[in-house]
Structure formats: C-alpha cells, structure tokens
C-alpha cells in the first residue's frame, strides 16, 4: 500500500503541476481574447482533469444530487471543508452553476492557474485581519450572483478539518452573501473523504472513498444567520453520521 501510494501520489503530483502550468496561459488567452465565460470553461476542464486524476489513483469517487437545484437563480452552496480537493469536485460536478468561491486572501497571489482564476472569476477574499474589507468583498460577490444568476461557494467552518470532524459553522459570511442576493437558495454540500486522500506537497493517498453529496435546498428568507448556519451544519452532520 505504501509503495502504491508513493507511485500514484507522484503521478498525481505531476498531473497537478502540469495542469497548473499549462492552464495558466490558456486561462489568460481565454479571458483576454474572449471573456470571463471562456476563461471559466477552461477552469472547469482543468478541475475535471484533476477530479479524474483523483479517481485514477484508485480512489472511489461518488457524486450524489437527489434534488432539482435550479440553475436560473442565485445559489449559495455551503459545504464542510476537509482539503483543497473539496474545490476540485465542486468545480467539476457543479459546473453548470458556474461557481465562484469565497477564498482566503493568501490564495490571491502566487499559485499558477489557481490565483489567476480566483481573481478573474470575482472570488471574495477573506482576510481575518481586515474584516471590513472582507465583508465588502463578500457583498460584491453577493451582487454578482444575484445579477448573473450563478452560484457562490462558501465553507462556513472557515478552516479545514483534515480529520473530517465538523467545526463550528460561522454565520457572518452567509449573512453577507445573502445580503445582496434576495433570490438566493442555500444548498448544503456534505463532503467526505477528501481529508483522507490529502498528502504533503500535492501528492495524494490512494484507495479511499470520496464523496460530494448535495443536500436539500433551504429557503433562507425566514431564518436568521445563526439559525441558518446551525441548520446547514446539522444537515451535513446527519449525512456524515456525526449527529
């Protein structure tokens, strides 16, 4: 098993680096010559390749969506957070919703493909040292999803839970995302197994179960922020068997 992990992890690392380096200029060309939609399509395909690569490493991937989540109104996807591979699956499996992420500010610069995409897609950057700017960024994203009828993705835990045990869900980001998007539905996503496949330096552990499960949409209009955050956490906890 250790040898297989090493070999498959090394192959995955090569694929990851290749995608990051190759798709960066492709994104730049698409954005500057055609526009944001073309650039976003290249990002979707990059994440599709990475999702398939996770499966290639012997991991069993499962995506489940039992609900008719509309694609013609703003959506706020709220997910638990185990690793960076959460994002890969969300981008690929939920690509028709054209997701834009609430991201930590450290990812704004320095990572080929990833940083460029976050900036050009209109991602909201969270800076724990500057709450005023953070709220402003999230409100701008809220306006964007309302106007363009697309989806925002937020991880209310704030930080990754590598062991999969849910942390507290904060309400502030959810409240800000809904502030300028009165038509938005909130859709929880339960993610399981991405922490288990995570290894150092973009290698990946093999032969794990990984799943993304879309849960029942919530109409947030009659709920305050704390009640909404608690309900999302309870729904995800139930799906993960952590109630």
Protein backbone atom coordinates (compact mmCIF):
# COMPACT_ATOMS: atom_id res chain seq x y z
CA UNK A 1 0.00 0.00 0.00
CA UNK A 2 2.79 2.45 0.90
CA UNK A 3 4.56 1.79 -2.40
CA UNK A 4 1.33 2.22 -4.35
CA UNK A 5 0.64 5.49 -2.53
CA UNK A 6 4.09 6.76 -3.38
CA UNK A 7 3.87 5.84 -7.07
CA UNK A 8 0.30 7.05 -7.61
CA UNK A 9 0.93 10.15 -5.50
CA UNK A 10 3.96 11.02 -7.60
CA UNK A 11 1.94 10.61 -10.81
CA UNK A 12 -0.82 12.80 -9.39
CA UNK A 13 1.68 15.49 -8.40
CA UNK A 14 2.99 15.57 -11.98
CA UNK A 15 -0.57 15.89 -13.32
CA UNK A 16 -1.35 18.66 -10.84
CA UNK A 17 1.76 20.68 -11.69
CA UNK A 18 1.20 20.14 -15.41
CA UNK A 19 -2.39 21.39 -15.17
CA UNK A 20 -1.43 24.42 -13.07
CA UNK A 21 1.31 25.47 -15.50
CA UNK A 22 -0.49 24.67 -18.77
CA UNK A 23 -3.90 26.08 -17.88
CA UNK A 24 -2.50 29.37 -16.59
CA UNK A 25 -1.63 30.74 -20.08
CA UNK A 26 -4.75 29.08 -21.50
CA UNK A 27 -6.85 30.99 -18.96
CA UNK A 28 -5.06 34.23 -19.79
CA UNK A 29 -5.67 33.82 -23.51
CA UNK A 30 -9.31 32.84 -23.00
CA UNK A 31 -10.02 35.75 -20.64
CA UNK A 32 -8.27 38.44 -22.67
CA UNK A 33 -9.40 37.35 -26.14
CA UNK A 34 -12.89 36.00 -25.44
CA UNK A 35 -14.01 36.86 -21.92
CA UNK A 36 -14.78 35.54 -18.45
CA UNK A 37 -17.11 32.74 -19.58
CA UNK A 38 -14.40 31.26 -21.80
CA UNK A 39 -11.85 31.53 -19.00
CA UNK A 40 -14.25 29.80 -16.61
CA UNK A 41 -14.77 26.97 -19.08
CA UNK A 42 -11.03 26.31 -19.12
CA UNK A 43 -11.03 26.19 -15.31
CA UNK A 44 -13.88 23.70 -15.33
CA UNK A 45 -11.95 21.40 -17.64
CA UNK A 46 -8.81 21.75 -15.53
CA UNK A 47 -10.75 20.66 -12.46
CA UNK A 48 -12.36 17.88 -14.45
CA UNK A 49 -8.92 16.51 -15.27
CA UNK A 50 -7.87 16.74 -11.62
CA UNK A 51 -11.07 15.04 -10.47
CA UNK A 52 -10.46 12.17 -12.89
CA UNK A 53 -6.86 12.02 -11.72
CA UNK A 54 -8.02 11.55 -8.11
CA UNK A 55 -10.08 8.59 -9.33
CA UNK A 56 -7.16 7.30 -11.38
CA UNK A 57 -5.21 6.97 -8.14
CA UNK A 58 -7.56 4.20 -7.09
CA UNK A 59 -9.95 6.38 -5.10
CA UNK A 60 -13.67 5.71 -5.45
CA UNK A 61 -15.48 8.98 -6.23
CA UNK A 62 -19.20 9.47 -5.70
CA UNK A 63 -21.36 12.49 -6.50
CA UNK A 64 -24.98 12.48 -5.35
CA UNK A 65 -27.66 15.06 -6.05
CA UNK A 66 -31.25 13.99 -5.37
CA UNK A 67 -32.69 17.49 -5.69
CA UNK A 68 -33.65 19.78 -8.55
CA UNK A 69 -31.39 22.71 -7.76
CA UNK A 70 -32.40 25.48 -10.19
CA UNK A 71 -29.74 26.90 -12.49
CA UNK A 72 -31.69 30.09 -13.23
CA UNK A 73 -31.45 31.75 -9.82
CA UNK A 74 -28.60 32.63 -7.46
CA UNK A 75 -27.37 29.75 -5.32
CA UNK A 76 -25.21 29.75 -2.21
CA UNK A 77 -23.52 26.37 -1.82
CA UNK A 78 -22.38 25.90 1.78
CA UNK A 79 -20.02 22.96 2.35
CA UNK A 80 -17.88 21.47 5.06
CA UNK A 81 -14.17 21.77 4.36
CA UNK A 82 -11.59 18.98 4.57
CA UNK A 83 -8.97 19.81 1.95
CA UNK A 84 -8.22 21.70 -1.26
CA UNK A 85 -9.66 18.74 -3.19
CA UNK A 86 -13.15 19.75 -1.99
CA UNK A 87 -12.92 22.56 -4.53
CA UNK A 88 -11.88 20.35 -7.44
CA UNK A 89 -15.02 18.22 -7.15
CA UNK A 90 -17.33 21.19 -6.63
CA UNK A 91 -16.00 22.89 -9.75
CA UNK A 92 -16.46 19.75 -11.84
CA UNK A 93 -19.69 18.24 -10.55
CA UNK A 94 -21.49 21.58 -10.12
CA UNK A 95 -20.09 23.19 -13.25
CA UNK A 96 -23.46 24.16 -14.71
CA UNK A 97 -23.91 26.60 -11.80
CA UNK A 98 -20.63 28.41 -12.64
CA UNK A 99 -19.42 28.50 -9.01
CA UNK A 100 -17.44 31.40 -7.57
CA UNK A 101 -15.65 30.87 -4.27
CA UNK A 102 -15.20 32.69 -1.01
CA UNK A 103 -11.46 32.14 -0.53
CA UNK A 104 -8.76 33.01 1.95
CA UNK A 105 -6.71 36.02 0.88
CA UNK A 106 -3.46 34.03 0.87
CA UNK A 107 -4.58 32.34 -2.36
CA UNK A 108 -4.96 35.64 -4.19
CA UNK A 109 -1.35 35.55 -5.44
CA UNK A 110 1.42 33.08 -6.03
CA UNK A 111 -0.29 29.93 -7.33
CA UNK A 112 -0.33 29.37 -11.11
CA UNK A 113 -3.84 28.94 -12.51
CA UNK A 114 -5.47 28.95 -9.06
CA UNK A 115 -4.72 32.56 -8.06
CA UNK A 116 -5.43 33.85 -11.56
CA UNK A 117 -8.80 32.12 -11.65
CA UNK A 118 -9.83 33.38 -8.23
CA UNK A 119 -9.08 36.97 -9.22
CA UNK A 120 -10.75 36.82 -12.63
CA UNK A 121 -13.81 34.87 -11.52
CA UNK A 122 -14.77 37.51 -8.97
CA UNK A 123 -13.97 35.46 -5.86
CA UNK A 124 -14.36 37.12 -2.47
CA UNK A 125 -11.15 37.09 -0.43
CA UNK A 126 -11.32 36.64 3.32
CA UNK A 127 -8.68 38.48 5.34
CA UNK A 128 -9.05 37.72 9.04
CA UNK A 129 -7.01 40.85 9.84
CA UNK A 130 -9.31 43.13 7.83
CA UNK A 131 -12.95 42.28 8.48
CA UNK A 132 -14.23 45.47 6.84
CA UNK A 133 -12.62 44.64 3.50
CA UNK A 134 -13.71 41.01 3.82
CA UNK A 135 -17.37 41.97 4.22
CA UNK A 136 -17.08 44.36 1.29
CA UNK A 137 -15.66 41.58 -0.90
CA UNK A 138 -18.43 39.15 0.05
CA UNK A 139 -21.10 41.78 -0.59
CA UNK A 140 -19.64 42.36 -4.06
CA UNK A 141 -19.85 38.63 -4.72
CA UNK A 142 -23.42 38.65 -3.44
CA UNK A 143 -24.32 41.30 -6.01
CA UNK A 144 -22.58 39.27 -8.72
CA UNK A 145 -24.53 36.06 -8.14
CA UNK A 146 -27.81 37.99 -7.96
CA UNK A 147 -27.16 39.81 -11.23
CA UNK A 148 -25.67 36.88 -13.16
CA UNK A 149 -27.88 34.13 -11.65
CA UNK A 150 -24.95 31.95 -10.70
CA UNK A 151 -23.57 30.25 -7.60
CA UNK A 152 -21.25 31.23 -4.77
CA UNK A 153 -19.46 28.62 -2.65
CA UNK A 154 -18.60 29.20 0.98
CA UNK A 155 -17.04 27.00 3.66
CA UNK A 156 -18.67 28.24 6.90
CA UNK A 157 -16.15 26.32 9.04
CA UNK A 158 -13.53 28.78 7.83
CA UNK A 159 -10.64 26.35 8.23
CA UNK A 160 -10.12 22.81 7.00
CA UNK A 161 -10.97 19.85 9.20
CA UNK A 162 -8.49 17.25 8.00
CA UNK A 163 -9.88 14.54 10.28
CA UNK A 164 -13.38 15.19 8.95
CA UNK A 165 -14.88 16.19 12.32
CA UNK A 166 -17.09 19.22 11.76
CA UNK A 167 -16.07 22.54 13.29
CA UNK A 168 -18.48 25.32 14.24
CA UNK A 169 -20.21 27.00 11.29
CA UNK A 170 -19.95 30.80 11.31
CA UNK A 171 -22.94 32.85 10.21
CA UNK A 172 -21.22 36.09 9.15
CA UNK A 173 -20.18 35.05 5.65
CA UNK A 174 -23.57 33.50 4.93
CA UNK A 175 -25.37 36.65 6.03
CA UNK A 176 -23.16 38.82 3.81
CA UNK A 177 -23.56 36.51 0.80
CA UNK A 178 -27.34 36.68 1.07
CA UNK A 179 -27.48 40.43 1.73
CA UNK A 180 -27.45 41.49 -1.94
CA UNK A 181 -28.91 38.26 -3.32
CA UNK A 182 -32.54 38.18 -2.13
CA UNK A 183 -33.46 35.47 -4.64
CA UNK A 184 -30.79 33.03 -3.49
CA UNK A 185 -31.33 29.49 -2.31
CA UNK A 186 -28.88 27.98 0.17
CA UNK A 187 -27.77 24.47 -0.72
CA UNK A 188 -25.64 22.46 1.74
CA UNK A 189 -22.99 20.06 0.42
CA UNK A 190 -21.62 17.23 2.54
CA UNK A 191 -18.05 16.35 1.57
CA UNK A 192 -16.40 13.21 2.88
CA UNK A 193 -13.01 11.63 2.31
CA UNK A 194 -11.03 14.48 0.79
CA UNK A 195 -9.10 14.88 4.03
CA UNK A 196 -8.15 11.22 3.93
CA UNK A 197 -6.65 11.47 0.44
CA UNK A 198 -4.64 14.58 1.25
CA UNK A 199 -0.87 14.16 1.47
CA UNK A 200 2.00 16.64 1.53
CA UNK A 201 3.20 18.57 -1.50
CA UNK A 202 0.13 17.84 -3.66
CA UNK A 203 0.67 14.10 -3.57
CA UNK A 204 -2.43 12.07 -2.87
CA UNK A 205 -3.31 8.98 -0.87
CA UNK A 206 -4.87 6.15 -2.85
CA UNK A 207 -7.73 3.67 -2.39
CA UNK A 208 -10.06 5.90 -0.35
CA UNK A 209 -13.79 6.66 -0.56
CA UNK A 210 -14.52 10.27 -1.53
CA UNK A 211 -17.98 11.80 -1.90
CA UNK A 212 -19.76 15.07 -2.61
CA UNK A 213 -23.46 14.98 -1.63
CA UNK A 214 -25.86 17.81 -2.46
CA UNK A 215 -28.45 18.15 0.30
CA UNK A 216 -31.96 19.61 0.33
CA UNK A 217 -32.07 23.32 -0.63
CA UNK A 218 -33.03 25.82 2.06
CA UNK A 219 -35.06 28.99 1.53
CA UNK A 220 -33.26 31.38 3.90
CA UNK A 221 -35.78 34.23 3.85
CA UNK A 222 -37.41 33.42 7.18
CA UNK A 223 -34.24 32.43 9.03
CA UNK A 224 -31.67 34.48 10.89
CA UNK A 225 -27.99 33.88 10.26
CA UNK A 226 -27.28 31.74 13.32
CA UNK A 227 -30.28 29.50 12.73
CA UNK A 228 -29.25 29.06 9.09
CA UNK A 229 -25.66 28.18 9.96
CA UNK A 230 -26.81 25.68 12.58
CA UNK A 231 -29.29 24.06 10.20
CA UNK A 232 -26.64 23.68 7.49
CA UNK A 233 -24.24 22.09 9.97
CA UNK A 234 -26.94 19.73 11.27
CA UNK A 235 -27.84 18.58 7.77
CA UNK A 236 -24.20 17.92 6.85
CA UNK A 237 -23.57 16.23 10.21
CA UNK A 238 -26.50 13.90 9.63
CA UNK A 239 -25.23 12.97 6.16
CA UNK A 240 -21.75 12.29 7.55
CA UNK A 241 -23.05 10.35 10.55
CA UNK A 242 -21.82 12.93 13.06
CA UNK A 243 -25.05 13.87 14.81
